[in-house]
């Protein structure tokens, strides 16, 4: 099987302190289910080293959304969506 690795660059938009971009690399896995949808597809990104684990909900073929570690959507969910380019 192919290695499931990722590279992630995170930027804060409209943040008052304008922190620098954060860059991570690591491995990812596919999980099943969220707090409200047992059939949902969730991608778990585990950075190498000290970084926090990220969870992304697959909304459709073009869109992923950052969700919390309990696999729940955030209030500002639309601001946390990634669109395939």
PDB file of N, CA and C in Angstrom:
ATOM      1  N   UNK A   1       0.841  -1.200   0.000  1.00  0.00           N
ATOM      2  CA  UNK A   1       0.000   0.000   0.000  1.00  0.00           C
ATOM      3  C   UNK A   1       0.877   1.251   0.000  1.00  0.00           C
ATOM      4  N   UNK A   2       0.391   2.278  -0.654  1.00  0.00           N
ATOM      5  CA  UNK A   2       1.129   3.540  -0.711  1.00  0.00           C
ATOM      6  C   UNK A   2       1.138   4.195   0.670  1.00  0.00           C
ATOM      7  N   UNK A   3       2.224   4.878   0.970  1.00  0.00           N
ATOM      8  CA  UNK A   3       2.313   5.594   2.236  1.00  0.00           C
ATOM      9  C   UNK A   3       1.300   6.732   2.241  1.00  0.00           C
ATOM     10  N   UNK A   4       0.632   6.884   3.347  1.00  0.00           N
ATOM     11  CA  UNK A   4      -0.343   7.971   3.486  1.00  0.00           C
ATOM     12  C   UNK A   4       0.327   9.103   4.243  1.00  0.00           C
ATOM     13  N   UNK A   5       0.972   9.981   3.492  1.00  0.00           N
ATOM     14  CA  UNK A   5       1.669  11.101   4.108  1.00  0.00           C
ATOM     15  C   UNK A   5       1.044  12.410   3.637  1.00  0.00           C
ATOM     16  N   UNK A   6       1.280  13.477   4.401  1.00  0.00           N
ATOM     17  CA  UNK A   6       0.734  14.784   4.033  1.00  0.00           C
ATOM     18  C   UNK A   6       1.738  15.875   4.363  1.00  0.00           C
ATOM     19  N   UNK A   7       1.572  17.006   3.680  1.00  0.00           N
ATOM     20  CA  UNK A   7       2.233  18.265   4.007  1.00  0.00           C
ATOM     21  C   UNK A   7       1.126  19.295   4.153  1.00  0.00           C
ATOM     22  N   UNK A   8       1.152  20.049   5.246  1.00  0.00           N
ATOM     23  CA  UNK A   8       0.088  21.009   5.544  1.00  0.00           C
ATOM     24  C   UNK A   8       0.703  22.345   5.913  1.00  0.00           C
ATOM     25  N   UNK A   9       0.213  23.416   5.283  1.00  0.00           N
ATOM     26  CA  UNK A   9       0.580  24.767   5.689  1.00  0.00           C
ATOM     27  C   UNK A   9      -0.696  25.448   6.178  1.00  0.00           C
ATOM     28  N   UNK A  10      -0.673  25.902   7.420  1.00  0.00           N
ATOM     29  CA  UNK A  10      -1.836  26.556   8.021  1.00  0.00           C
ATOM     30  C   UNK A  10      -1.545  28.041   8.185  1.00  0.00           C
ATOM     31  N   UNK A  11      -2.482  28.871   7.717  1.00  0.00           N
ATOM     32  CA  UNK A  11      -2.372  30.321   7.852  1.00  0.00           C
ATOM     33  C   UNK A  11      -3.574  30.823   8.637  1.00  0.00           C
ATOM     34  N   UNK A  12      -3.338  31.797   9.494  1.00  0.00           N
ATOM     35  CA  UNK A  12      -4.426  32.423  10.248  1.00  0.00           C
ATOM     36  C   UNK A  12      -4.917  33.630   9.466  1.00  0.00           C
ATOM     37  N   UNK A  13      -6.212  33.647   9.157  1.00  0.00           N
ATOM     38  CA  UNK A  13      -6.785  34.782   8.433  1.00  0.00           C
ATOM     39  C   UNK A  13      -7.381  35.759   9.430  1.00  0.00           C
ATOM     40  N   UNK A  14      -7.111  37.046   9.208  1.00  0.00           N
ATOM     41  CA  UNK A  14      -7.697  38.120  10.016  1.00  0.00           C
ATOM     42  C   UNK A  14      -7.427  37.923  11.503  1.00  0.00           C
ATOM     43  N   UNK A  15      -6.223  37.459  11.848  1.00  0.00           N
ATOM     44  CA  UNK A  15      -5.834  37.265  13.244  1.00  0.00           C
ATOM     45  C   UNK A  15      -5.169  38.549  13.729  1.00  0.00           C
ATOM     46  N   UNK A  16      -5.549  39.075  14.907  1.00  0.00           N
ATOM     47  CA  UNK A  16      -5.008  40.372  15.346  1.00  0.00           C
ATOM     48  C   UNK A  16      -3.486  40.388  15.512  1.00  0.00           C
ATOM     49  N   UNK A  17      -2.882  39.267  15.914  1.00  0.00           N
ATOM     50  CA  UNK A  17      -1.426  39.240  16.086  1.00  0.00           C
ATOM     51  C   UNK A  17      -0.690  38.823  14.815  1.00  0.00           C
ATOM     52  N   UNK A  18      -1.409  38.431  13.775  1.00  0.00           N
ATOM     53  CA  UNK A  18      -0.805  38.015  12.508  1.00  0.00           C
ATOM     54  C   UNK A  18       0.332  37.006  12.716  1.00  0.00           C
ATOM     55  N   UNK A  19       0.034  35.847  13.334  1.00  0.00           N
ATOM     56  CA  UNK A  19       1.092  34.858  13.578  1.00  0.00           C
ATOM     57  C   UNK A  19       1.612  34.271  12.270  1.00  0.00           C
ATOM     58  N   UNK A  20       2.832  33.736  12.299  1.00  0.00           N
ATOM     59  CA  UNK A  20       3.394  33.146  11.078  1.00  0.00           C
ATOM     60  C   UNK A  20       2.645  31.879  10.678  1.00  0.00           C
ATOM     61  N   UNK A  21       2.779  31.515   9.406  1.00  0.00           N
ATOM     62  CA  UNK A  21       2.212  30.250   8.939  1.00  0.00           C
ATOM     63  C   UNK A  21       2.851  29.099   9.706  1.00  0.00           C
ATOM     64  N   UNK A  22       2.095  28.027   9.867  1.00  0.00           N
ATOM     65  CA  UNK A  22       2.606  26.817  10.498  1.00  0.00           C
ATOM     66  C   UNK A  22       2.663  25.727   9.442  1.00  0.00           C
ATOM     67  N   UNK A  23       3.739  24.967   9.449  1.00  0.00           N
ATOM     68  CA  UNK A  23       3.889  23.899   8.465  1.00  0.00           C
ATOM     69  C   UNK A  23       4.074  22.571   9.180  1.00  0.00           C
ATOM     70  N   UNK A  24       3.356  21.558   8.693  1.00  0.00           N
ATOM     71  CA  UNK A  24       3.396  20.229   9.290  1.00  0.00           C
ATOM     72  C   UNK A  24       3.536  19.185   8.193  1.00  0.00           C
ATOM     73  N   UNK A  25       4.120  18.052   8.556  1.00  0.00           N
ATOM     74  CA  UNK A  25       4.153  16.874   7.696  1.00  0.00           C
ATOM     75  C   UNK A  25       3.943  15.669   8.594  1.00  0.00           C
ATOM     76  N   UNK A  26       3.339  14.628   8.046  1.00  0.00           N
ATOM     77  CA  UNK A  26       3.101  13.444   8.858  1.00  0.00           C
ATOM     78  C   UNK A  26       2.325  12.407   8.085  1.00  0.00           C
ATOM     79  N   UNK A  27       1.546  11.622   8.817  1.00  0.00           N
ATOM     80  CA  UNK A  27       0.768  10.532   8.232  1.00  0.00           C
ATOM     81  C   UNK A  27      -0.722  10.764   8.444  1.00  0.00           C
ATOM     82  N   UNK A  28      -1.535  10.191   7.550  1.00  0.00           N
ATOM     83  CA  UNK A  28      -2.983  10.335   7.684  1.00  0.00           C
ATOM     84  C   UNK A  28      -3.657   8.977   7.590  1.00  0.00           C
ATOM     85  N   UNK A  29      -4.837   8.904   8.217  1.00  0.00           N
ATOM     86  CA  UNK A  29      -5.666   7.699   8.213  1.00  0.00           C
ATOM     87  C   UNK A  29      -7.103   8.101   7.914  1.00  0.00           C
ATOM     88  N   UNK A  30      -7.891   7.142   7.465  1.00  0.00           N
ATOM     89  CA  UNK A  30      -9.319   7.362   7.230  1.00  0.00           C
ATOM     90  C   UNK A  30     -10.083   6.749   8.396  1.00  0.00           C
ATOM     91  N   UNK A  31     -10.973   7.544   9.003  1.00  0.00           N
ATOM     92  CA  UNK A  31     -11.831   7.087  10.093  1.00  0.00           C
ATOM     93  C   UNK A  31     -13.279   7.120   9.624  1.00  0.00           C
ATOM     94  N   UNK A  32     -14.135   6.388  10.321  1.00  0.00           N
ATOM     95  CA  UNK A  32     -15.560   6.375   9.974  1.00  0.00           C
ATOM     96  C   UNK A  32     -16.371   6.995  11.096  1.00  0.00           C
ATOM     97  N   UNK A  33     -17.264   7.920  10.717  1.00  0.00           N
ATOM     98  CA  UNK A  33     -18.258   8.432  11.645  1.00  0.00           C
ATOM     99  C   UNK A  33     -17.860   9.686  12.387  1.00  0.00           C
ATOM    100  N   UNK A  34     -18.903  10.494  12.665  1.00  0.00           N
ATOM    101  CA  UNK A  34     -18.772  11.673  13.517  1.00  0.00           C
ATOM    102  C   UNK A  34     -19.793  11.550  14.634  1.00  0.00           C
ATOM    103  N   UNK A  35     -19.847  12.577  15.484  1.00  0.00           N
ATOM    104  CA  UNK A  35     -20.790  12.570  16.598  1.00  0.00           C
ATOM    105  C   UNK A  35     -22.235  12.473  16.115  1.00  0.00           C
ATOM    106  N   UNK A  36     -22.519  13.001  14.927  1.00  0.00           N
ATOM    107  CA  UNK A  36     -23.908  13.017  14.446  1.00  0.00           C
ATOM    108  C   UNK A  36     -24.150  12.168  13.209  1.00  0.00           C
ATOM    109  N   UNK A  37     -23.080  11.714  12.534  1.00  0.00           N
ATOM    110  CA  UNK A  37     -23.246  10.945  11.293  1.00  0.00           C
ATOM    111  C   UNK A  37     -22.325   9.731  11.306  1.00  0.00           C
ATOM    112  N   UNK A  38     -22.865   8.552  11.620  1.00  0.00           N
ATOM    113  CA  UNK A  38     -22.016   7.358  11.703  1.00  0.00           C
ATOM    114  C   UNK A  38     -21.413   6.942  10.370  1.00  0.00           C
ATOM    115  N   UNK A  39     -21.948   7.448   9.258  1.00  0.00           N
ATOM    116  CA  UNK A  39     -21.445   7.080   7.938  1.00  0.00           C
ATOM    117  C   UNK A  39     -20.459   8.090   7.360  1.00  0.00           C
ATOM    118  N   UNK A  40     -20.177   9.152   8.095  1.00  0.00           N
ATOM    119  CA  UNK A  40     -19.281  10.200   7.595  1.00  0.00           C
ATOM    120  C   UNK A  40     -17.860   9.666   7.444  1.00  0.00           C
ATOM    121  N   UNK A  41     -17.119  10.280   6.517  1.00  0.00           N
ATOM    122  CA  UNK A  41     -15.698   9.978   6.339  1.00  0.00           C
ATOM    123  C   UNK A  41     -14.887  11.100   6.972  1.00  0.00           C
ATOM    124  N   UNK A  42     -13.953  10.721   7.840  1.00  0.00           N
ATOM    125  CA  UNK A  42     -13.094  11.677   8.531  1.00  0.00           C
ATOM    126  C   UNK A  42     -11.641  11.297   8.261  1.00  0.00           C
ATOM    127  N   UNK A  43     -10.835  12.301   7.939  1.00  0.00           N
ATOM    128  CA  UNK A  43      -9.403  12.089   7.753  1.00  0.00           C
ATOM    129  C   UNK A  43      -8.681  12.580   9.005  1.00  0.00           C
ATOM    130  N   UNK A  44      -7.839  11.716   9.571  1.00  0.00           N
ATOM    131  CA  UNK A  44      -7.058  12.042  10.763  1.00  0.00           C
ATOM    132  C   UNK A  44      -5.619  12.292  10.328  1.00  0.00           C
ATOM    133  N   UNK A  45      -5.133  13.522  10.523  1.00  0.00           N
ATOM    134  CA  UNK A  45      -3.773  13.895  10.149  1.00  0.00           C
ATOM    135  C   UNK A  45      -2.923  13.984  11.407  1.00  0.00           C
ATOM    136  N   UNK A  46      -1.900  13.153  11.490  1.00  0.00           N
ATOM    137  CA  UNK A  46      -1.024  13.113  12.660  1.00  0.00           C
ATOM    138  C   UNK A  46       0.352  13.638  12.266  1.00  0.00           C
ATOM    139  N   UNK A  47       0.687  14.873  12.682  1.00  0.00           N
ATOM    140  CA  UNK A  47       1.991  15.431  12.331  1.00  0.00           C
ATOM    141  C   UNK A  47       3.123  14.688  13.031  1.00  0.00           C
ATOM    142  N   UNK A  48       4.280  14.674  12.366  1.00  0.00           N
ATOM    143  CA  UNK A  48       5.486  14.161  13.007  1.00  0.00           C
ATOM    144  C   UNK A  48       5.853  15.105  14.151  1.00  0.00           C
ATOM    145  N   UNK A  49       6.383  14.568  15.241  1.00  0.00           N
ATOM    146  CA  UNK A  49       6.851  15.422  16.328  1.00  0.00           C
ATOM    147  C   UNK A  49       5.728  15.875  17.235  1.00  0.00           C
ATOM    148  N   UNK A  50       5.724  17.185  17.551  1.00  0.00           N
ATOM    149  CA  UNK A  50       4.872  17.710  18.614  1.00  0.00           C
ATOM    150  C   UNK A  50       3.513  18.231  18.165  1.00  0.00           C
ATOM    151  N   UNK A  51       3.254  18.299  16.884  1.00  0.00           N
ATOM    152  CA  UNK A  51       2.026  18.944  16.417  1.00  0.00           C
ATOM    153  C   UNK A  51       0.758  18.249  16.872  1.00  0.00           C
ATOM    154  N   UNK A  52      -0.320  19.010  16.959  1.00  0.00           N
ATOM    155  CA  UNK A  52      -1.613  18.435  17.329  1.00  0.00           C
ATOM    156  C   UNK A  52      -2.185  17.636  16.166  1.00  0.00           C
ATOM    157  N   UNK A  53      -3.051  16.689  16.489  1.00  0.00           N
ATOM    158  CA  UNK A  53      -3.724  15.891  15.463  1.00  0.00           C
ATOM    159  C   UNK A  53      -4.876  16.713  14.896  1.00  0.00           C
ATOM    160  N   UNK A  54      -5.009  16.691  13.575  1.00  0.00           N
ATOM    161  CA  UNK A  54      -6.095  17.395  12.893  1.00  0.00           C
ATOM    162  C   UNK A  54      -7.107  16.390  12.379  1.00  0.00           C
ATOM    163  N   UNK A  55      -8.378  16.787  12.437  1.00  0.00           N
ATOM    164  CA  UNK A  55      -9.467  15.959  11.908  1.00  0.00           C
ATOM    165  C   UNK A  55     -10.220  16.763  10.862  1.00  0.00           C
ATOM    166  N   UNK A  56     -10.393  16.170   9.678  1.00  0.00           N
ATOM    167  CA  UNK A  56     -11.118  16.822   8.596  1.00  0.00           C
ATOM    168  C   UNK A  56     -12.284  15.945   8.173  1.00  0.00           C
ATOM    169  N   UNK A  57     -13.475  16.540   8.146  1.00  0.00           N
ATOM    170  CA  UNK A  57     -14.691  15.876   7.686  1.00  0.00           C
ATOM    171  C   UNK A  57     -14.792  16.044   6.174  1.00  0.00           C
ATOM    172  N   UNK A  58     -15.046  14.946   5.470  1.00  0.00           N
ATOM    173  CA  UNK A  58     -15.238  15.006   4.018  1.00  0.00           C
ATOM    174  C   UNK A  58     -16.692  15.385   3.756  1.00  0.00           C
ATOM    175  N   UNK A  59     -16.900  16.603   3.237  1.00  0.00           N
ATOM    176  CA  UNK A  59     -18.262  17.058   2.943  1.00  0.00           C
ATOM    177  C   UNK A  59     -18.717  16.573   1.575  1.00  0.00           C
ATOM    178  N   UNK A  60     -17.802  16.606   0.592  1.00  0.00           N
ATOM    179  CA  UNK A  60     -18.088  16.116  -0.759  1.00  0.00           C
ATOM    180  C   UNK A  60     -16.753  15.921  -1.464  1.00  0.00           C
ATOM    181  N   UNK A  61     -16.796  15.626  -2.769  1.00  0.00           N
ATOM    182  CA  UNK A  61     -15.567  15.353  -3.516  1.00  0.00           C
ATOM    183  C   UNK A  61     -14.611  16.542  -3.523  1.00  0.00           C
ATOM    184  N   UNK A  62     -15.118  17.738  -3.307  1.00  0.00           N
ATOM    185  CA  UNK A  62     -14.309  18.953  -3.425  1.00  0.00           C
ATOM    186  C   UNK A  62     -13.976  19.605  -2.093  1.00  0.00           C
ATOM    187  N   UNK A  63     -14.609  19.184  -0.988  1.00  0.00           N
ATOM    188  CA  UNK A  63     -14.556  19.978   0.235  1.00  0.00           C
ATOM    189  C   UNK A  63     -14.238  19.140   1.467  1.00  0.00           C
ATOM    190  N   UNK A  64     -13.260  19.620   2.249  1.00  0.00           N
ATOM    191  CA  UNK A  64     -12.974  19.084   3.574  1.00  0.00           C
ATOM    192  C   UNK A  64     -13.203  20.196   4.582  1.00  0.00           C
ATOM    193  N   UNK A  65     -13.589  19.814   5.810  1.00  0.00           N
ATOM    194  CA  UNK A  65     -13.820  20.805   6.859  1.00  0.00           C
ATOM    195  C   UNK A  65     -13.130  20.369   8.140  1.00  0.00           C
ATOM    196  N   UNK A  66     -12.359  21.284   8.736  1.00  0.00           N
ATOM    197  CA  UNK A  66     -11.708  21.011  10.012  1.00  0.00           C
ATOM    198  C   UNK A  66     -12.771  20.818  11.089  1.00  0.00           C
ATOM    199  N   UNK A  67     -12.662  19.725  11.858  1.00  0.00           N
ATOM    200  CA  UNK A  67     -13.590  19.463  12.965  1.00  0.00           C
ATOM    201  C   UNK A  67     -12.784  19.220  14.236  1.00  0.00           C
ATOM    202  N   UNK A  68     -13.461  19.154  15.379  1.00  0.00           N
ATOM    203  CA  UNK A  68     -12.745  19.026  16.649  1.00  0.00           C
ATOM    204  C   UNK A  68     -12.379  17.561  16.939  1.00  0.00           C
ATOM    205  N   UNK A  69     -11.551  17.315  17.969  1.00  0.00           N
ATOM    206  CA  UNK A  69     -11.112  15.938  18.242  1.00  0.00           C
ATOM    207  C   UNK A  69     -12.248  14.979  18.612  1.00  0.00           C
ATOM    208  N   UNK A  70     -13.386  15.514  19.036  1.00  0.00           N
ATOM    209  CA  UNK A  70     -14.558  14.670  19.288  1.00  0.00           C
ATOM    210  C   UNK A  70     -15.379  14.467  18.014  1.00  0.00           C
ATOM    211  N   UNK A  71     -14.808  14.922  16.903  1.00  0.00           N
ATOM    212  CA  UNK A  71     -15.418  14.810  15.573  1.00  0.00           C
ATOM    213  C   UNK A  71     -16.752  15.553  15.500  1.00  0.00           C
ATOM    214  N   UNK A  72     -16.750  16.756  16.063  1.00  0.00           N
ATOM    215  CA  UNK A  72     -17.909  17.645  15.968  1.00  0.00           C
ATOM    216  C   UNK A  72     -17.516  18.869  15.160  1.00  0.00           C
ATOM    217  N   UNK A  73     -18.484  19.441  14.450  1.00  0.00           N
ATOM    218  CA  UNK A  73     -18.224  20.636  13.649  1.00  0.00           C
ATOM    219  C   UNK A  73     -18.162  21.857  14.552  1.00  0.00           C
ATOM    220  N   UNK A  74     -17.298  22.812  14.173  1.00  0.00           N
ATOM    221  CA  UNK A  74     -17.181  24.067  14.907  1.00  0.00           C
ATOM    222  C   UNK A  74     -18.306  25.013  14.500  1.00  0.00           C
ATOM    223  N   UNK A  75     -18.568  26.030  15.346  1.00  0.00           N
ATOM    224  CA  UNK A  75     -19.604  27.020  15.046  1.00  0.00           C
ATOM    225  C   UNK A  75     -19.302  27.763  13.742  1.00  0.00           C
ATOM    226  N   UNK A  76     -18.036  28.126  13.544  1.00  0.00           N
ATOM    227  CA  UNK A  76     -17.642  28.880  12.344  1.00  0.00           C
ATOM    228  C   UNK A  76     -17.184  27.926  11.247  1.00  0.00           C
ATOM    229  N   UNK A  77     -17.951  26.865  11.033  1.00  0.00           N
ATOM    230  CA  UNK A  77     -17.517  25.773  10.164  1.00  0.00           C
ATOM    231  C   UNK A  77     -17.194  26.226   8.740  1.00  0.00           C
ATOM    232  N   UNK A  78     -17.934  27.194   8.213  1.00  0.00           N
ATOM    233  CA  UNK A  78     -17.687  27.614   6.828  1.00  0.00           C
ATOM    234  C   UNK A  78     -16.295  28.212   6.659  1.00  0.00           C
ATOM    235  N   UNK A  79     -15.773  28.859   7.703  1.00  0.00           N
ATOM    236  CA  UNK A  79     -14.436  29.451   7.631  1.00  0.00           C
ATOM    237  C   UNK A  79     -13.340  28.391   7.705  1.00  0.00           C
ATOM    238  N   UNK A  80     -13.706  27.162   8.035  1.00  0.00           N
ATOM    239  CA  UNK A  80     -12.727  26.090   8.240  1.00  0.00           C
ATOM    240  C   UNK A  80     -12.748  25.063   7.120  1.00  0.00           C
ATOM    241  N   UNK A  81     -13.332  25.436   5.982  1.00  0.00           N
ATOM    242  CA  UNK A  81     -13.440  24.498   4.868  1.00  0.00           C
ATOM    243  C   UNK A  81     -12.293  24.684   3.885  1.00  0.00           C
ATOM    244  N   UNK A  82     -11.813  23.563   3.365  1.00  0.00           N
ATOM    245  CA  UNK A  82     -10.784  23.546   2.325  1.00  0.00           C
ATOM    246  C   UNK A  82     -11.431  23.086   1.035  1.00  0.00           C
ATOM    247  N   UNK A  83     -11.154  23.821  -0.047  1.00  0.00           N
ATOM    248  CA  UNK A  83     -11.700  23.470  -1.359  1.00  0.00           C
ATOM    249  C   UNK A  83     -10.586  22.917  -2.234  1.00  0.00           C
ATOM    250  N   UNK A  84     -10.882  21.831  -2.946  1.00  0.00           N
ATOM    251  CA  UNK A  84      -9.911  21.255  -3.882  1.00  0.00           C
ATOM    252  C   UNK A  84      -9.658  22.259  -5.008  1.00  0.00           C
ATOM    253  N   UNK A  85      -8.391  22.458  -5.346  1.00  0.00           N
ATOM    254  CA  UNK A  85      -8.023  23.402  -6.411  1.00  0.00           C
ATOM    255  C   UNK A  85      -7.871  22.681  -7.729  1.00  0.00           C
TER     256      UNK A  85
END
